N, C-alpha and C. Protein backbone atom coordinates (compact mmCIF):
# COMPACT_ATOMS: atom_id res chain seq x y z
N MET A 1 84.24 89.43 80.78
CA MET A 1 84.60 90.70 81.35
C MET A 1 83.94 91.81 80.55
N LEU A 2 83.33 92.70 81.23
CA LEU A 2 82.74 93.88 80.61
C LEU A 2 83.82 94.95 80.50
N VAL A 3 84.02 95.50 79.34
CA VAL A 3 85.01 96.55 79.12
C VAL A 3 84.27 97.84 78.75
N LEU A 4 84.53 98.90 79.49
CA LEU A 4 83.87 100.18 79.28
C LEU A 4 84.90 101.28 79.03
N SER A 5 84.52 102.26 78.25
CA SER A 5 85.34 103.45 78.08
C SER A 5 84.72 104.57 78.91
N ARG A 6 85.53 105.26 79.66
CA ARG A 6 85.07 106.38 80.48
C ARG A 6 86.08 107.50 80.37
N LYS A 7 85.61 108.73 80.47
CA LYS A 7 86.47 109.90 80.49
C LYS A 7 86.57 110.40 81.92
N LYS A 8 87.46 111.35 82.13
CA LYS A 8 87.63 111.93 83.45
C LYS A 8 86.28 112.43 83.98
N ASN A 9 86.02 112.14 85.24
CA ASN A 9 84.79 112.51 85.96
C ASN A 9 83.57 111.69 85.55
N GLU A 10 83.72 110.70 84.69
CA GLU A 10 82.60 109.81 84.36
C GLU A 10 82.64 108.60 85.29
N SER A 11 81.48 108.02 85.52
CA SER A 11 81.35 106.95 86.50
C SER A 11 80.65 105.73 85.92
N ILE A 12 80.77 104.65 86.69
CA ILE A 12 79.94 103.46 86.46
C ILE A 12 79.32 103.10 87.80
N ILE A 13 78.17 102.49 87.76
CA ILE A 13 77.46 102.07 88.97
C ILE A 13 77.42 100.55 88.99
N ILE A 14 77.74 99.97 90.14
CA ILE A 14 77.71 98.52 90.30
C ILE A 14 76.68 98.17 91.36
N ASN A 15 75.70 97.38 90.97
CA ASN A 15 74.70 96.85 91.90
C ASN A 15 74.02 97.94 92.74
N ASP A 16 73.75 99.08 92.18
CA ASP A 16 73.03 100.18 92.83
C ASP A 16 73.74 100.79 94.04
N HIS A 17 74.86 100.22 94.49
CA HIS A 17 75.47 100.68 95.74
C HIS A 17 76.93 101.10 95.61
N ILE A 18 77.57 100.80 94.50
CA ILE A 18 78.99 101.09 94.34
C ILE A 18 79.16 101.97 93.11
N THR A 19 79.85 103.08 93.30
CA THR A 19 80.14 103.99 92.19
C THR A 19 81.64 104.05 91.99
N VAL A 20 82.07 103.82 90.76
CA VAL A 20 83.48 103.93 90.39
C VAL A 20 83.60 105.11 89.43
N THR A 21 84.43 106.09 89.81
CA THR A 21 84.58 107.31 89.03
C THR A 21 86.02 107.47 88.58
N VAL A 22 86.22 107.85 87.33
CA VAL A 22 87.56 108.17 86.84
C VAL A 22 87.90 109.55 87.38
N VAL A 23 88.89 109.61 88.26
CA VAL A 23 89.27 110.86 88.91
C VAL A 23 90.33 111.60 88.11
N GLU A 24 91.28 110.84 87.56
CA GLU A 24 92.39 111.48 86.85
C GLU A 24 92.98 110.48 85.86
N ILE A 25 93.43 111.00 84.74
CA ILE A 25 94.14 110.20 83.75
C ILE A 25 95.47 110.91 83.50
N ARG A 26 96.56 110.20 83.78
CA ARG A 26 97.88 110.81 83.61
C ARG A 26 98.79 109.78 82.94
N GLY A 27 99.07 109.98 81.65
CA GLY A 27 99.89 109.03 80.91
C GLY A 27 99.19 107.69 80.83
N ASP A 28 99.88 106.63 81.30
CA ASP A 28 99.30 105.30 81.26
C ASP A 28 98.64 104.90 82.58
N LYS A 29 98.43 105.87 83.48
CA LYS A 29 97.79 105.58 84.76
C LYS A 29 96.44 106.26 84.86
N VAL A 30 95.50 105.54 85.44
CA VAL A 30 94.16 106.06 85.67
C VAL A 30 93.91 106.00 87.17
N ARG A 31 93.46 107.10 87.75
CA ARG A 31 93.10 107.11 89.17
C ARG A 31 91.59 106.96 89.25
N LEU A 32 91.16 106.01 90.06
CA LEU A 32 89.74 105.73 90.23
C LEU A 32 89.33 106.09 91.65
N GLY A 33 88.14 106.64 91.77
CA GLY A 33 87.52 106.86 93.07
C GLY A 33 86.40 105.84 93.21
N ILE A 34 86.36 105.18 94.37
CA ILE A 34 85.35 104.14 94.59
C ILE A 34 84.53 104.52 95.81
N ASP A 35 83.23 104.67 95.61
CA ASP A 35 82.30 104.98 96.69
C ASP A 35 81.46 103.74 96.92
N ALA A 36 81.66 103.11 98.09
CA ALA A 36 80.95 101.87 98.41
C ALA A 36 80.51 101.90 99.87
N PRO A 37 79.48 101.14 100.21
CA PRO A 37 79.06 101.06 101.62
C PRO A 37 80.22 100.56 102.49
N LYS A 38 80.23 100.97 103.74
CA LYS A 38 81.31 100.59 104.66
C LYS A 38 81.44 99.08 104.85
N ASP A 39 80.36 98.34 104.66
CA ASP A 39 80.43 96.89 104.85
C ASP A 39 80.98 96.15 103.62
N ILE A 40 81.34 96.89 102.57
CA ILE A 40 81.93 96.30 101.37
C ILE A 40 83.43 96.58 101.39
N SER A 41 84.24 95.53 101.37
CA SER A 41 85.69 95.71 101.32
C SER A 41 86.12 96.03 99.90
N VAL A 42 87.01 97.00 99.78
CA VAL A 42 87.56 97.37 98.47
C VAL A 42 89.08 97.37 98.63
N HIS A 43 89.76 96.52 97.85
CA HIS A 43 91.22 96.41 97.93
C HIS A 43 91.81 96.37 96.53
N ARG A 44 93.06 96.83 96.40
CA ARG A 44 93.81 96.56 95.17
C ARG A 44 94.04 95.05 95.12
N ARG A 45 94.17 94.49 93.93
CA ARG A 45 94.31 93.04 93.78
C ARG A 45 95.47 92.49 94.60
N GLU A 46 96.62 93.14 94.58
CA GLU A 46 97.77 92.60 95.30
C GLU A 46 97.55 92.58 96.81
N ILE A 47 96.80 93.53 97.33
CA ILE A 47 96.46 93.53 98.76
C ILE A 47 95.45 92.43 99.05
N PHE A 48 94.45 92.29 98.20
CA PHE A 48 93.46 91.23 98.37
C PHE A 48 94.13 89.86 98.39
N GLU A 49 95.06 89.62 97.45
CA GLU A 49 95.75 88.33 97.39
C GLU A 49 96.60 88.10 98.63
N ALA A 50 97.25 89.15 99.14
CA ALA A 50 98.04 89.03 100.36
C ALA A 50 97.15 88.66 101.55
N ILE A 51 95.99 89.27 101.63
CA ILE A 51 95.05 88.96 102.71
C ILE A 51 94.60 87.50 102.60
N GLN A 52 94.28 87.05 101.39
CA GLN A 52 93.85 85.67 101.19
C GLN A 52 94.96 84.70 101.56
N ASN A 53 96.19 84.98 101.14
CA ASN A 53 97.32 84.10 101.46
C ASN A 53 97.57 84.05 102.95
N GLN A 54 97.43 85.17 103.63
CA GLN A 54 97.62 85.22 105.07
C GLN A 54 96.55 84.38 105.78
N ALA A 55 95.32 84.46 105.31
CA ALA A 55 94.23 83.66 105.90
C ALA A 55 94.48 82.17 105.69
N LYS A 56 94.95 81.80 104.50
CA LYS A 56 95.26 80.39 104.22
C LYS A 56 96.38 79.89 105.12
N SER A 57 97.40 80.73 105.35
CA SER A 57 98.52 80.35 106.22
C SER A 57 98.04 80.11 107.64
N ARG A 58 97.14 80.99 108.11
CA ARG A 58 96.59 80.83 109.46
C ARG A 58 95.81 79.53 109.58
N GLU A 59 95.00 79.22 108.56
CA GLU A 59 94.21 77.98 108.58
C GLU A 59 95.11 76.76 108.59
N ALA A 60 96.19 76.81 107.81
CA ALA A 60 97.09 75.67 107.72
C ALA A 60 97.85 75.46 109.02
N SER A 61 98.15 76.54 109.76
CA SER A 61 98.91 76.39 110.99
C SER A 61 98.02 76.18 112.21
N ALA A 62 96.72 76.34 112.06
CA ALA A 62 95.81 76.13 113.19
C ALA A 62 95.73 74.65 113.52
N PRO A 63 95.69 74.32 114.79
CA PRO A 63 95.57 72.90 115.15
C PRO A 63 94.25 72.33 114.64
N ALA A 64 94.32 71.11 114.18
CA ALA A 64 93.12 70.45 113.66
C ALA A 64 92.16 70.16 114.82
N ALA A 65 90.91 70.33 114.59
CA ALA A 65 89.90 70.05 115.61
C ALA A 65 89.80 68.55 115.82
N THR A 66 89.75 68.15 117.07
CA THR A 66 89.60 66.74 117.40
C THR A 66 88.12 66.40 117.37
N PRO A 67 87.74 65.40 116.56
CA PRO A 67 86.31 65.07 116.51
C PRO A 67 85.83 64.52 117.85
N VAL A 68 84.61 64.83 118.17
CA VAL A 68 84.00 64.32 119.41
C VAL A 68 83.30 63.01 119.07
N LEU A 69 83.78 61.94 119.69
CA LEU A 69 83.22 60.63 119.44
C LEU A 69 82.22 60.27 120.53
N PRO A 70 81.21 59.45 120.22
CA PRO A 70 80.25 59.04 121.25
C PRO A 70 80.94 58.19 122.30
N ASP A 71 80.45 58.29 123.51
CA ASP A 71 81.00 57.52 124.62
C ASP A 71 80.72 56.03 124.38
N PRO A 72 81.79 55.19 124.33
CA PRO A 72 81.59 53.76 124.08
C PRO A 72 80.94 53.03 125.25
N ASN A 73 80.97 53.65 126.43
CA ASN A 73 80.40 53.04 127.63
C ASN A 73 79.35 53.95 128.25
N PRO A 74 78.22 54.11 127.58
CA PRO A 74 77.19 55.00 128.16
C PRO A 74 76.63 54.43 129.45
N ARG A 75 76.25 55.26 130.36
CA ARG A 75 75.71 54.79 131.65
C ARG A 75 74.23 54.73 131.65
């Protein structure tokens, strides 16, 4: 893990397309602004985990696909 120190209004750049800026520091909380392309999803960890768990639940409840077997009596 890369650990960086930043002050208010300072930023970091990720992969030339994502900018993370320290917007506010208040006590033990830091507010971050994230500027990313619309095709990049940005979520808080707890939301991301909820989305992943929901997707896993859907996959588990989906009916299993029936394999297509070759016709034993071809014409």
